[in-house]
């Protein structure tokens, strides 16, 4: 149960930070706050649950062989619940009508957005697998910083193309906060889970002896 509580908390604060900074007017500094929030939550929960806070990471860790499917599915469920609760808390603080007014009309180039989510999620999951699950980096003190900065870098690189979710739970949250459209939701699922799968396959190919 402590693992699920940790996954809920970490995902909640990640989506909460996304909503309050992006809709709250942090502008170009929003990715810094988001990456920082993820970093501290990873350090806080890494020893308890592995600090996934992202169904695509959970999928990658499962393919890598560090979590069983019976544990992975509850992880994904509570991560999604954390995103839903955070989205409604953001709407409470900012105000539902103001959120609706602030939310820009989302009309991305789907092909570019899909590729952006695929690449960004690949980078994130590949970093997580190498700094937080690989035997060669076991016990390191920088895993949280590396993961948080990856999200910051990818958000700056791809945010203008896809919104920079790199996380199906984030996709749920930003869609509920009307920062993305439900009609585009499939793109986040395909891009994020696809990037996670590819990252896990590449990790295993690059680390054949790390079982």
N, C-alpha and C. Protein backbone atom coordinates (compact mmCIF):
# COMPACT_ATOMS: atom_id res chain seq x y z
N UNK A 1 0.81 -1.21 0.00
CA UNK A 1 0.00 0.00 0.00
C UNK A 1 0.86 1.27 0.00
N UNK A 2 2.00 1.22 0.71
CA UNK A 2 2.85 2.42 0.76
C UNK A 2 3.38 2.79 -0.62
N UNK A 3 3.58 1.79 -1.48
CA UNK A 3 4.04 2.08 -2.84
C UNK A 3 2.97 2.84 -3.62
N UNK A 4 1.73 2.41 -3.48
CA UNK A 4 0.64 3.06 -4.21
C UNK A 4 0.39 4.46 -3.68
N UNK A 5 0.47 4.63 -2.38
CA UNK A 5 0.31 5.97 -1.80
C UNK A 5 1.39 6.90 -2.32
N UNK A 6 2.61 6.39 -2.39
CA UNK A 6 3.74 7.20 -2.89
C UNK A 6 3.54 7.58 -4.34
N UNK A 7 3.10 6.63 -5.15
CA UNK A 7 2.86 6.92 -6.56
C UNK A 7 1.76 7.96 -6.74
N UNK A 8 0.72 7.87 -5.92
CA UNK A 8 -0.36 8.86 -5.98
C UNK A 8 0.16 10.24 -5.62
N UNK A 9 0.91 10.34 -4.54
CA UNK A 9 1.41 11.63 -4.07
C UNK A 9 2.33 12.26 -5.10
N UNK A 10 3.28 11.49 -5.59
CA UNK A 10 4.24 12.04 -6.54
C UNK A 10 3.58 12.52 -7.82
N UNK A 11 2.65 11.72 -8.35
CA UNK A 11 1.94 12.11 -9.57
C UNK A 11 1.06 13.32 -9.32
N UNK A 12 0.42 13.35 -8.16
CA UNK A 12 -0.43 14.49 -7.80
C UNK A 12 0.36 15.79 -7.83
N UNK A 13 1.51 15.82 -7.18
CA UNK A 13 2.28 17.05 -7.12
C UNK A 13 2.89 17.43 -8.46
N UNK A 14 3.20 16.45 -9.28
CA UNK A 14 3.70 16.75 -10.62
C UNK A 14 2.62 17.47 -11.43
N UNK A 15 1.41 16.91 -11.48
CA UNK A 15 0.34 17.53 -12.27
C UNK A 15 -0.12 18.83 -11.64
N UNK A 16 -0.13 18.89 -10.32
CA UNK A 16 -0.50 20.14 -9.64
C UNK A 16 0.45 21.26 -10.05
N UNK A 17 1.74 20.97 -10.07
CA UNK A 17 2.73 21.97 -10.46
C UNK A 17 2.56 22.38 -11.91
N UNK A 18 2.29 21.42 -12.77
CA UNK A 18 2.06 21.73 -14.19
C UNK A 18 0.90 22.71 -14.33
N UNK A 19 -0.21 22.38 -13.70
CA UNK A 19 -1.40 23.22 -13.83
C UNK A 19 -1.23 24.61 -13.25
N UNK A 20 -0.70 24.70 -12.05
CA UNK A 20 -0.60 25.99 -11.38
C UNK A 20 0.46 26.88 -11.98
N UNK A 21 1.48 26.30 -12.59
CA UNK A 21 2.51 27.14 -13.20
C UNK A 21 2.15 27.54 -14.63
N UNK A 22 1.66 26.58 -15.41
CA UNK A 22 1.32 26.90 -16.81
C UNK A 22 0.09 27.81 -16.86
N UNK A 23 -0.98 27.42 -16.18
CA UNK A 23 -2.19 28.23 -16.19
C UNK A 23 -2.06 29.44 -15.27
N UNK A 24 -1.15 29.34 -14.30
CA UNK A 24 -0.96 30.44 -13.36
C UNK A 24 -0.06 31.54 -13.86
N UNK A 25 0.52 31.36 -15.05
CA UNK A 25 1.27 32.45 -15.66
C UNK A 25 2.76 32.44 -15.42
N UNK A 26 3.35 31.28 -15.10
CA UNK A 26 4.80 31.24 -14.90
C UNK A 26 5.57 31.38 -16.21
N UNK A 27 4.89 31.19 -17.31
CA UNK A 27 5.51 31.41 -18.61
C UNK A 27 6.68 30.48 -18.88
N UNK A 28 7.79 31.05 -19.34
CA UNK A 28 8.95 30.25 -19.74
C UNK A 28 9.64 29.57 -18.56
N UNK A 29 9.28 29.95 -17.34
CA UNK A 29 9.88 29.31 -16.18
C UNK A 29 9.11 28.06 -15.74
N UNK A 30 7.94 27.82 -16.34
CA UNK A 30 7.13 26.67 -15.94
C UNK A 30 7.90 25.34 -16.04
N UNK A 31 8.65 25.07 -17.13
CA UNK A 31 9.37 23.80 -17.19
C UNK A 31 10.39 23.62 -16.07
N UNK A 32 10.96 24.73 -15.58
CA UNK A 32 11.92 24.64 -14.47
C UNK A 32 11.20 24.19 -13.21
N UNK A 33 10.05 24.78 -12.94
CA UNK A 33 9.27 24.40 -11.76
C UNK A 33 8.79 22.95 -11.86
N UNK A 34 8.36 22.56 -13.05
CA UNK A 34 7.86 21.20 -13.25
C UNK A 34 8.97 20.17 -13.06
N UNK A 35 10.13 20.43 -13.67
CA UNK A 35 11.26 19.52 -13.50
C UNK A 35 11.73 19.44 -12.07
N UNK A 36 11.69 20.58 -11.38
CA UNK A 36 12.10 20.62 -9.97
C UNK A 36 11.13 19.83 -9.11
N UNK A 37 9.83 20.00 -9.36
CA UNK A 37 8.82 19.26 -8.60
C UNK A 37 9.01 17.76 -8.78
N UNK A 38 9.25 17.34 -10.02
CA UNK A 38 9.48 15.92 -10.28
C UNK A 38 10.73 15.44 -9.57
N UNK A 39 11.79 16.24 -9.62
CA UNK A 39 13.05 15.86 -8.98
C UNK A 39 12.86 15.58 -7.49
N UNK A 40 12.22 16.52 -6.79
CA UNK A 40 12.09 16.35 -5.34
C UNK A 40 11.16 15.19 -5.00
N UNK A 41 10.14 14.97 -5.82
CA UNK A 41 9.24 13.84 -5.58
C UNK A 41 9.95 12.51 -5.85
N UNK A 42 10.85 12.50 -6.83
CA UNK A 42 11.62 11.29 -7.10
C UNK A 42 12.54 10.97 -5.93
N UNK A 43 13.20 12.00 -5.40
CA UNK A 43 14.06 11.77 -4.23
C UNK A 43 13.22 11.34 -3.03
N UNK A 44 12.03 11.90 -2.89
CA UNK A 44 11.18 11.58 -1.74
C UNK A 44 10.65 10.15 -1.81
N UNK A 45 10.31 9.70 -3.02
CA UNK A 45 9.64 8.41 -3.12
C UNK A 45 10.42 7.29 -3.75
N UNK A 46 11.65 7.58 -4.19
CA UNK A 46 12.42 6.56 -4.89
C UNK A 46 12.63 5.29 -4.08
N UNK A 47 12.89 5.43 -2.78
CA UNK A 47 13.16 4.27 -1.94
C UNK A 47 11.89 3.52 -1.54
N UNK A 48 10.74 4.14 -1.80
CA UNK A 48 9.47 3.51 -1.42
C UNK A 48 8.82 2.77 -2.57
N UNK A 49 8.71 3.43 -3.72
CA UNK A 49 7.98 2.83 -4.84
C UNK A 49 8.78 2.76 -6.13
N UNK A 50 9.97 3.36 -6.13
CA UNK A 50 10.71 3.51 -7.37
C UNK A 50 10.43 4.84 -8.04
N UNK A 51 9.40 5.55 -7.53
CA UNK A 51 9.07 6.91 -7.98
C UNK A 51 8.87 6.99 -9.49
N UNK A 52 7.92 6.22 -9.99
CA UNK A 52 7.62 6.26 -11.42
C UNK A 52 6.82 7.50 -11.78
N UNK A 53 5.66 7.66 -11.15
CA UNK A 53 4.75 8.80 -11.36
C UNK A 53 4.36 8.95 -12.82
N UNK A 54 4.39 7.86 -13.57
CA UNK A 54 4.22 7.94 -15.01
C UNK A 54 3.95 6.53 -15.53
N UNK A 55 2.77 6.25 -16.09
CA UNK A 55 2.49 4.91 -16.61
C UNK A 55 3.46 4.45 -17.69
N UNK A 56 4.02 5.38 -18.46
CA UNK A 56 5.00 4.99 -19.49
C UNK A 56 6.28 4.49 -18.85
N UNK A 57 6.68 5.10 -17.73
CA UNK A 57 7.85 4.62 -17.00
C UNK A 57 7.56 3.26 -16.40
N UNK A 58 6.38 3.11 -15.82
CA UNK A 58 6.00 1.82 -15.24
C UNK A 58 6.04 0.72 -16.30
N UNK A 59 5.54 1.03 -17.49
CA UNK A 59 5.59 0.06 -18.58
C UNK A 59 7.03 -0.27 -18.94
N UNK A 60 7.88 0.75 -19.02
CA UNK A 60 9.29 0.52 -19.34
C UNK A 60 9.99 -0.31 -18.28
N UNK A 61 9.69 -0.04 -17.03
CA UNK A 61 10.31 -0.79 -15.93
C UNK A 61 9.82 -2.24 -15.95
N UNK A 62 8.56 -2.45 -16.33
CA UNK A 62 8.03 -3.82 -16.45
C UNK A 62 8.75 -4.57 -17.57
N UNK A 63 8.90 -3.94 -18.73
CA UNK A 63 9.61 -4.59 -19.84
C UNK A 63 11.05 -4.86 -19.44
N UNK A 64 11.64 -3.96 -18.68
CA UNK A 64 13.02 -4.12 -18.21
C UNK A 64 13.13 -5.27 -17.21
N UNK A 65 12.01 -5.61 -16.57
CA UNK A 65 11.99 -6.76 -15.67
C UNK A 65 12.12 -6.42 -14.20
N UNK A 66 11.84 -5.17 -13.83
CA UNK A 66 11.99 -4.76 -12.43
C UNK A 66 10.67 -4.63 -11.68
N UNK A 67 9.55 -4.95 -12.36
CA UNK A 67 8.25 -4.90 -11.71
C UNK A 67 7.36 -5.94 -12.37
N UNK A 68 6.48 -6.56 -11.60
CA UNK A 68 5.57 -7.56 -12.14
C UNK A 68 4.30 -6.89 -12.63
N UNK A 69 3.62 -7.53 -13.56
CA UNK A 69 2.43 -6.94 -14.14
C UNK A 69 1.35 -6.70 -13.08
N UNK A 70 1.28 -7.58 -12.07
CA UNK A 70 0.30 -7.42 -11.00
C UNK A 70 0.55 -6.19 -10.15
N UNK A 71 1.76 -5.67 -10.17
CA UNK A 71 2.10 -4.45 -9.46
C UNK A 71 2.04 -3.25 -10.39
N UNK A 72 2.35 -3.48 -11.65
CA UNK A 72 2.38 -2.38 -12.62
C UNK A 72 0.99 -1.79 -12.85
N UNK A 73 -0.01 -2.63 -12.96
CA UNK A 73 -1.37 -2.14 -13.25
C UNK A 73 -1.89 -1.24 -12.12
N UNK A 74 -1.79 -1.66 -10.84
CA UNK A 74 -2.20 -0.73 -9.76
C UNK A 74 -1.41 0.57 -9.77
N UNK A 75 -0.12 0.51 -10.11
CA UNK A 75 0.68 1.73 -10.23
C UNK A 75 0.02 2.69 -11.23
N UNK A 76 -0.31 2.16 -12.41
CA UNK A 76 -0.89 3.00 -13.45
C UNK A 76 -2.23 3.59 -13.02
N UNK A 77 -3.00 2.80 -12.29
CA UNK A 77 -4.32 3.27 -11.83
C UNK A 77 -4.17 4.43 -10.86
N UNK A 78 -3.29 4.28 -9.86
CA UNK A 78 -3.17 5.35 -8.87
C UNK A 78 -2.47 6.58 -9.46
N UNK A 79 -1.59 6.38 -10.43
CA UNK A 79 -0.98 7.52 -11.11
C UNK A 79 -2.05 8.34 -11.83
N UNK A 80 -2.96 7.65 -12.48
CA UNK A 80 -4.05 8.34 -13.17
C UNK A 80 -4.98 9.03 -12.18
N UNK A 81 -5.27 8.38 -11.07
CA UNK A 81 -6.10 9.01 -10.04
C UNK A 81 -5.43 10.26 -9.47
N UNK A 82 -4.13 10.19 -9.26
CA UNK A 82 -3.40 11.36 -8.78
C UNK A 82 -3.52 12.53 -9.74
N UNK A 83 -3.47 12.22 -11.05
CA UNK A 83 -3.60 13.26 -12.06
C UNK A 83 -4.98 13.87 -12.06
N UNK A 84 -6.01 13.04 -11.91
CA UNK A 84 -7.39 13.54 -11.90
C UNK A 84 -7.63 14.45 -10.70
N UNK A 85 -7.20 14.01 -9.53
CA UNK A 85 -7.39 14.83 -8.32
C UNK A 85 -6.64 16.15 -8.45
N UNK A 86 -5.41 16.10 -8.93
CA UNK A 86 -4.61 17.32 -9.09
C UNK A 86 -5.29 18.29 -10.04
N UNK A 87 -5.86 17.78 -11.13
CA UNK A 87 -6.52 18.65 -12.10
C UNK A 87 -7.68 19.40 -11.47
N UNK A 88 -8.44 18.73 -10.63
CA UNK A 88 -9.56 19.39 -9.98
C UNK A 88 -9.11 20.37 -8.90
N UNK A 89 -7.99 20.07 -8.24
CA UNK A 89 -7.43 21.02 -7.27
C UNK A 89 -6.96 22.28 -7.98
N UNK A 90 -6.34 22.12 -9.14
CA UNK A 90 -5.92 23.29 -9.93
C UNK A 90 -7.13 24.13 -10.31
N UNK A 91 -8.19 23.48 -10.75
CA UNK A 91 -9.39 24.21 -11.13
C UNK A 91 -9.99 24.94 -9.93
N UNK A 92 -9.86 24.35 -8.75
CA UNK A 92 -10.35 25.02 -7.54
C UNK A 92 -9.55 26.28 -7.24
N UNK A 93 -8.22 26.18 -7.30
CA UNK A 93 -7.37 27.32 -6.95
C UNK A 93 -7.47 28.45 -7.98
N UNK A 94 -7.44 28.08 -9.24
CA UNK A 94 -7.47 29.11 -10.28
C UNK A 94 -8.89 29.55 -10.60
N UNK A 95 -9.82 28.63 -10.41
CA UNK A 95 -11.22 28.91 -10.74
C UNK A 95 -11.58 28.26 -12.05
N UNK A 96 -12.65 27.48 -12.05
CA UNK A 96 -13.03 26.75 -13.25
C UNK A 96 -13.23 27.64 -14.45
N UNK A 97 -13.91 28.77 -14.25
CA UNK A 97 -14.18 29.66 -15.38
C UNK A 97 -12.89 30.28 -15.90
N UNK A 98 -11.97 30.61 -14.97
CA UNK A 98 -10.70 31.19 -15.38
C UNK A 98 -9.85 30.17 -16.12
N UNK A 99 -9.88 28.92 -15.65
CA UNK A 99 -9.15 27.85 -16.35
C UNK A 99 -9.67 27.72 -17.77
N UNK A 100 -10.99 27.74 -17.92
CA UNK A 100 -11.59 27.62 -19.24
C UNK A 100 -11.18 28.79 -20.13
N UNK A 101 -11.07 29.98 -19.53
CA UNK A 101 -10.70 31.16 -20.30
C UNK A 101 -9.22 31.17 -20.64
N UNK A 102 -8.37 30.68 -19.69
CA UNK A 102 -6.92 30.69 -19.91
C UNK A 102 -6.48 29.61 -20.87
N UNK A 103 -7.20 28.52 -20.88
CA UNK A 103 -6.80 27.38 -21.71
C UNK A 103 -6.84 27.77 -23.17
N UNK A 104 -5.67 27.77 -23.78
CA UNK A 104 -5.58 28.14 -25.19
C UNK A 104 -6.18 27.03 -26.06
N UNK A 105 -6.76 27.42 -27.16
CA UNK A 105 -7.29 26.43 -28.10
C UNK A 105 -6.13 25.58 -28.60
N UNK A 106 -6.23 24.28 -28.39
CA UNK A 106 -5.16 23.37 -28.77
C UNK A 106 -5.45 22.77 -30.14
N UNK A 107 -4.60 23.06 -31.09
CA UNK A 107 -4.77 22.51 -32.44
C UNK A 107 -3.40 22.15 -32.99
N UNK A 108 -2.75 21.15 -32.36
CA UNK A 108 -1.37 20.82 -32.76
C UNK A 108 -1.31 20.10 -34.09
N UNK A 109 -0.15 20.17 -34.70
CA UNK A 109 0.15 19.32 -35.84
C UNK A 109 0.33 17.91 -35.27
N UNK A 110 -0.64 17.04 -35.51
CA UNK A 110 -0.67 15.74 -34.85
C UNK A 110 0.58 14.91 -35.12
N UNK A 111 1.06 14.95 -36.34
CA UNK A 111 2.26 14.17 -36.66
C UNK A 111 3.46 14.65 -35.86
N UNK A 112 3.67 15.98 -35.83
CA UNK A 112 4.79 16.53 -35.07
C UNK A 112 4.60 16.29 -33.58
N UNK A 113 3.36 16.44 -33.10
CA UNK A 113 3.09 16.23 -31.68
C UNK A 113 3.34 14.78 -31.27
N UNK A 114 2.92 13.86 -32.11
CA UNK A 114 3.13 12.43 -31.83
C UNK A 114 4.61 12.10 -31.76
N UNK A 115 5.37 12.60 -32.72
CA UNK A 115 6.82 12.37 -32.74
C UNK A 115 7.48 13.02 -31.54
N UNK A 116 7.02 14.22 -31.17
CA UNK A 116 7.57 14.92 -30.01
C UNK A 116 7.35 14.12 -28.74
N UNK A 117 6.14 13.59 -28.56
CA UNK A 117 5.85 12.80 -27.36
C UNK A 117 6.65 11.49 -27.35
N UNK A 118 6.81 10.90 -28.53
CA UNK A 118 7.58 9.66 -28.64
C UNK A 118 9.04 9.89 -28.25
N UNK A 119 9.65 10.94 -28.80
CA UNK A 119 11.06 11.22 -28.52
C UNK A 119 11.25 11.66 -27.08
N UNK A 120 10.40 12.57 -26.61
CA UNK A 120 10.53 13.06 -25.24
C UNK A 120 10.36 11.97 -24.20
N UNK A 121 9.37 11.11 -24.42
CA UNK A 121 9.15 10.01 -23.48
C UNK A 121 10.28 8.99 -23.55
N UNK A 122 10.77 8.74 -24.76
CA UNK A 122 11.93 7.84 -24.90
C UNK A 122 13.08 8.36 -24.04
N UNK A 123 13.38 9.65 -24.17
CA UNK A 123 14.49 10.23 -23.40
C UNK A 123 14.27 10.05 -21.90
N UNK A 124 13.06 10.34 -21.45
CA UNK A 124 12.76 10.25 -20.02
C UNK A 124 12.89 8.81 -19.52
N UNK A 125 12.26 7.88 -20.19
CA UNK A 125 12.29 6.48 -19.73
C UNK A 125 13.70 5.90 -19.84
N UNK A 126 14.41 6.26 -20.90
CA UNK A 126 15.79 5.77 -21.05
C UNK A 126 16.67 6.27 -19.90
N UNK A 127 16.50 7.53 -19.52
CA UNK A 127 17.26 8.08 -18.40
C UNK A 127 16.88 7.38 -17.11
N UNK A 128 15.57 7.21 -16.87
CA UNK A 128 15.11 6.55 -15.64
C UNK A 128 15.70 5.15 -15.53
N UNK A 129 15.61 4.38 -16.59
CA UNK A 129 16.11 3.01 -16.55
C UNK A 129 17.61 2.95 -16.27
N UNK A 130 18.34 3.90 -16.82
CA UNK A 130 19.80 3.88 -16.66
C UNK A 130 20.28 4.45 -15.33
N UNK A 131 19.60 5.46 -14.81
CA UNK A 131 20.08 6.05 -13.55
C UNK A 131 19.41 5.48 -12.32
N UNK A 132 18.23 4.86 -12.49
CA UNK A 132 17.49 4.40 -11.32
C UNK A 132 17.32 2.89 -11.24
N UNK A 133 17.64 2.15 -12.33
CA UNK A 133 17.45 0.70 -12.27
C UNK A 133 18.68 -0.10 -12.69
N UNK A 134 19.66 0.54 -13.31
CA UNK A 134 20.82 -0.20 -13.80
C UNK A 134 21.77 -0.57 -12.67
N UNK A 135 22.34 -1.76 -12.74
CA UNK A 135 23.29 -2.19 -11.71
C UNK A 135 24.52 -1.30 -11.67
N UNK A 136 24.95 -0.81 -12.83
CA UNK A 136 26.17 0.00 -12.90
C UNK A 136 26.03 1.35 -12.21
N UNK A 137 24.80 1.81 -12.03
CA UNK A 137 24.59 3.12 -11.37
C UNK A 137 23.88 2.98 -10.02
N UNK A 138 23.84 1.76 -9.51
CA UNK A 138 23.15 1.52 -8.23
C UNK A 138 23.76 2.37 -7.12
N UNK A 139 22.88 2.97 -6.31
CA UNK A 139 23.32 3.75 -5.17
C UNK A 139 23.78 5.15 -5.48
N UNK A 140 23.59 5.60 -6.74
CA UNK A 140 24.03 6.95 -7.08
C UNK A 140 23.15 7.99 -6.39
N UNK A 141 23.68 9.20 -6.29
CA UNK A 141 22.96 10.29 -5.60
C UNK A 141 22.35 11.30 -6.56
N UNK A 142 22.46 11.05 -7.85
CA UNK A 142 22.02 12.05 -8.83
C UNK A 142 20.79 11.64 -9.61
N UNK A 143 20.20 10.49 -9.29
CA UNK A 143 19.11 9.97 -10.13
C UNK A 143 17.93 10.94 -10.21
N UNK A 144 17.56 11.54 -9.09
CA UNK A 144 16.43 12.48 -9.10
C UNK A 144 16.71 13.71 -9.94
N UNK A 145 17.93 14.23 -9.82
CA UNK A 145 18.32 15.41 -10.59
C UNK A 145 18.31 15.10 -12.08
N UNK A 146 18.84 13.95 -12.46
CA UNK A 146 18.88 13.57 -13.87
C UNK A 146 17.48 13.44 -14.45
N UNK A 147 16.58 12.83 -13.70
CA UNK A 147 15.21 12.63 -14.18
C UNK A 147 14.47 13.96 -14.29
N UNK A 148 14.58 14.79 -13.26
CA UNK A 148 13.92 16.09 -13.29
C UNK A 148 14.42 16.98 -14.41
N UNK A 149 15.73 16.99 -14.63
CA UNK A 149 16.30 17.83 -15.69
C UNK A 149 15.95 17.30 -17.08
N UNK A 150 15.75 16.00 -17.20
CA UNK A 150 15.32 15.46 -18.49
C UNK A 150 13.95 16.00 -18.86
N UNK A 151 13.04 16.02 -17.89
CA UNK A 151 11.71 16.57 -18.15
C UNK A 151 11.79 18.06 -18.49
N UNK A 152 12.62 18.79 -17.76
CA UNK A 152 12.79 20.22 -18.06
C UNK A 152 13.30 20.43 -19.47
N UNK A 153 14.33 19.69 -19.85
CA UNK A 153 14.92 19.84 -21.18
C UNK A 153 13.94 19.47 -22.27
N UNK A 154 13.23 18.35 -22.11
CA UNK A 154 12.28 17.92 -23.13
C UNK A 154 11.08 18.86 -23.21
N UNK A 155 10.68 19.43 -22.07
CA UNK A 155 9.57 20.39 -22.08
C UNK A 155 9.93 21.63 -22.88
N UNK A 156 11.17 22.12 -22.69
CA UNK A 156 11.61 23.26 -23.48
C UNK A 156 11.74 22.90 -24.96
N UNK A 157 12.21 21.71 -25.23
CA UNK A 157 12.45 21.29 -26.62
C UNK A 157 11.15 21.04 -27.38
N UNK A 158 10.19 20.37 -26.74
CA UNK A 158 9.01 19.91 -27.46
C UNK A 158 7.68 20.49 -26.98
N UNK A 159 7.72 21.30 -25.92
CA UNK A 159 6.47 21.81 -25.36
C UNK A 159 5.61 22.56 -26.36
N UNK A 160 6.23 23.30 -27.25
CA UNK A 160 5.45 24.09 -28.21
C UNK A 160 4.82 23.22 -29.30
N UNK A 161 5.25 21.97 -29.42
CA UNK A 161 4.71 21.08 -30.45
C UNK A 161 3.60 20.18 -29.92
N UNK A 162 3.75 19.72 -28.68
CA UNK A 162 2.78 18.75 -28.16
C UNK A 162 2.21 19.10 -26.79
N UNK A 163 2.75 20.13 -26.16
CA UNK A 163 2.37 20.42 -24.78
C UNK A 163 3.34 19.81 -23.79
N UNK A 164 4.17 18.87 -24.27
CA UNK A 164 5.23 18.31 -23.43
C UNK A 164 4.73 17.48 -22.27
N UNK A 165 3.88 16.48 -22.55
CA UNK A 165 3.37 15.61 -21.48
C UNK A 165 4.40 14.54 -21.11
N UNK A 166 4.78 13.71 -22.08
CA UNK A 166 5.74 12.62 -21.89
C UNK A 166 5.29 11.66 -20.79
N UNK A 167 3.98 11.60 -20.59
CA UNK A 167 3.43 10.88 -19.45
C UNK A 167 1.92 10.77 -19.65
N UNK A 168 1.37 9.56 -19.79
CA UNK A 168 -0.07 9.43 -19.98
C UNK A 168 -0.90 10.02 -18.84
N UNK A 169 -0.38 9.98 -17.61
CA UNK A 169 -1.11 10.57 -16.49
C UNK A 169 -1.14 12.10 -16.63
N UNK A 170 -0.04 12.67 -17.06
CA UNK A 170 -0.01 14.11 -17.33
C UNK A 170 -1.00 14.44 -18.44
N UNK A 171 -1.08 13.59 -19.45
CA UNK A 171 -2.04 13.81 -20.54
C UNK A 171 -3.46 13.87 -20.01
N UNK A 172 -3.78 12.99 -19.07
CA UNK A 172 -5.11 13.02 -18.44
C UNK A 172 -5.31 14.36 -17.72
N UNK A 173 -4.30 14.76 -16.95
CA UNK A 173 -4.41 15.99 -16.18
C UNK A 173 -4.57 17.22 -17.05
N UNK A 174 -3.72 17.36 -18.07
CA UNK A 174 -3.78 18.57 -18.89
C UNK A 174 -5.05 18.60 -19.73
N UNK A 175 -5.59 17.43 -20.06
CA UNK A 175 -6.84 17.41 -20.82
C UNK A 175 -8.00 17.83 -19.93
N UNK A 176 -8.02 17.37 -18.69
CA UNK A 176 -9.06 17.79 -17.75
C UNK A 176 -8.95 19.29 -17.46
N UNK A 177 -7.73 19.84 -17.53
CA UNK A 177 -7.54 21.27 -17.32
C UNK A 177 -7.67 22.06 -18.63
N UNK A 178 -8.11 21.37 -19.69
CA UNK A 178 -8.37 21.97 -20.99
C UNK A 178 -7.14 22.61 -21.62
N UNK A 179 -5.98 22.08 -21.26
CA UNK A 179 -4.74 22.49 -21.91
C UNK A 179 -4.49 21.62 -23.14
N UNK A 180 -5.30 20.60 -23.31
CA UNK A 180 -5.26 19.72 -24.48
C UNK A 180 -6.69 19.24 -24.72
N UNK A 181 -6.91 18.71 -25.91
CA UNK A 181 -8.26 18.29 -26.30
C UNK A 181 -8.39 16.77 -26.19
N UNK A 182 -9.59 16.32 -25.79
CA UNK A 182 -9.82 14.88 -25.69
C UNK A 182 -9.65 14.19 -27.04
N UNK A 183 -9.91 14.90 -28.11
CA UNK A 183 -9.73 14.31 -29.43
C UNK A 183 -8.29 13.99 -29.76
N UNK A 184 -7.36 14.63 -29.05
CA UNK A 184 -5.93 14.38 -29.27
C UNK A 184 -5.35 13.40 -28.25
N UNK A 185 -6.20 12.90 -27.36
CA UNK A 185 -5.70 12.08 -26.26
C UNK A 185 -5.00 10.82 -26.74
N UNK A 186 -5.51 10.23 -27.82
CA UNK A 186 -4.90 9.00 -28.35
C UNK A 186 -3.43 9.23 -28.71
N UNK A 187 -3.13 10.46 -29.17
CA UNK A 187 -1.77 10.78 -29.59
C UNK A 187 -0.80 10.69 -28.42
N UNK A 188 -1.26 11.14 -27.25
CA UNK A 188 -0.41 11.06 -26.06
C UNK A 188 -0.21 9.60 -25.64
N UNK A 189 -1.28 8.81 -25.72
CA UNK A 189 -1.16 7.41 -25.33
C UNK A 189 -0.17 6.68 -26.25
N UNK A 190 -0.33 6.86 -27.56
CA UNK A 190 0.55 6.19 -28.51
C UNK A 190 1.99 6.69 -28.37
N UNK A 191 2.16 8.02 -28.30
CA UNK A 191 3.50 8.59 -28.22
C UNK A 191 4.21 8.23 -26.93
N UNK A 192 3.50 8.36 -25.81
CA UNK A 192 4.14 8.12 -24.51
C UNK A 192 4.44 6.64 -24.29
N UNK A 193 3.44 5.79 -24.50
CA UNK A 193 3.69 4.36 -24.30
C UNK A 193 4.66 3.82 -25.34
N UNK A 194 4.57 4.34 -26.57
CA UNK A 194 5.52 3.92 -27.60
C UNK A 194 6.94 4.29 -27.24
N UNK A 195 7.13 5.50 -26.76
CA UNK A 195 8.46 5.93 -26.35
C UNK A 195 9.00 5.10 -25.19
N UNK A 196 8.11 4.74 -24.26
CA UNK A 196 8.52 3.92 -23.13
C UNK A 196 8.95 2.52 -23.55
N UNK A 197 8.20 1.93 -24.48
CA UNK A 197 8.52 0.59 -24.97
C UNK A 197 9.87 0.60 -25.69
N UNK A 198 10.07 1.57 -26.57
CA UNK A 198 11.33 1.64 -27.32
C UNK A 198 12.51 1.85 -26.38
N UNK A 199 12.33 2.72 -25.38
CA UNK A 199 13.41 2.98 -24.42
C UNK A 199 13.80 1.71 -23.67
N UNK A 200 12.80 0.93 -23.27
CA UNK A 200 13.08 -0.31 -22.54
C UNK A 200 13.81 -1.32 -23.42
N UNK A 201 13.41 -1.41 -24.68
CA UNK A 201 14.07 -2.32 -25.61
C UNK A 201 15.52 -1.90 -25.84
N UNK A 202 15.73 -0.60 -26.03
CA UNK A 202 17.09 -0.09 -26.24
C UNK A 202 17.94 -0.31 -24.98
N UNK A 203 17.34 -0.09 -23.81
CA UNK A 203 18.08 -0.32 -22.56
C UNK A 203 18.55 -1.77 -22.47
N UNK A 204 17.66 -2.69 -22.77
CA UNK A 204 18.02 -4.10 -22.69
C UNK A 204 19.09 -4.46 -23.72
N UNK A 205 19.03 -3.83 -24.89
CA UNK A 205 20.04 -4.09 -25.91
C UNK A 205 21.40 -3.54 -25.49
N UNK A 206 21.40 -2.38 -24.80
CA UNK A 206 22.65 -1.76 -24.38
C UNK A 206 23.20 -2.35 -23.09
N UNK A 207 22.35 -3.05 -22.36
CA UNK A 207 22.76 -3.63 -21.07
C UNK A 207 22.37 -5.12 -21.03
N UNK A 208 22.91 -5.93 -21.93
CA UNK A 208 22.48 -7.33 -22.05
C UNK A 208 22.74 -8.16 -20.80
N UNK A 209 23.72 -7.76 -19.99
CA UNK A 209 24.04 -8.55 -18.81
C UNK A 209 23.32 -8.07 -17.55
N UNK A 210 22.55 -6.98 -17.70
CA UNK A 210 21.85 -6.41 -16.54
C UNK A 210 20.44 -6.97 -16.52
N UNK A 211 20.27 -8.13 -15.92
CA UNK A 211 18.97 -8.80 -15.90
C UNK A 211 18.22 -8.46 -14.62
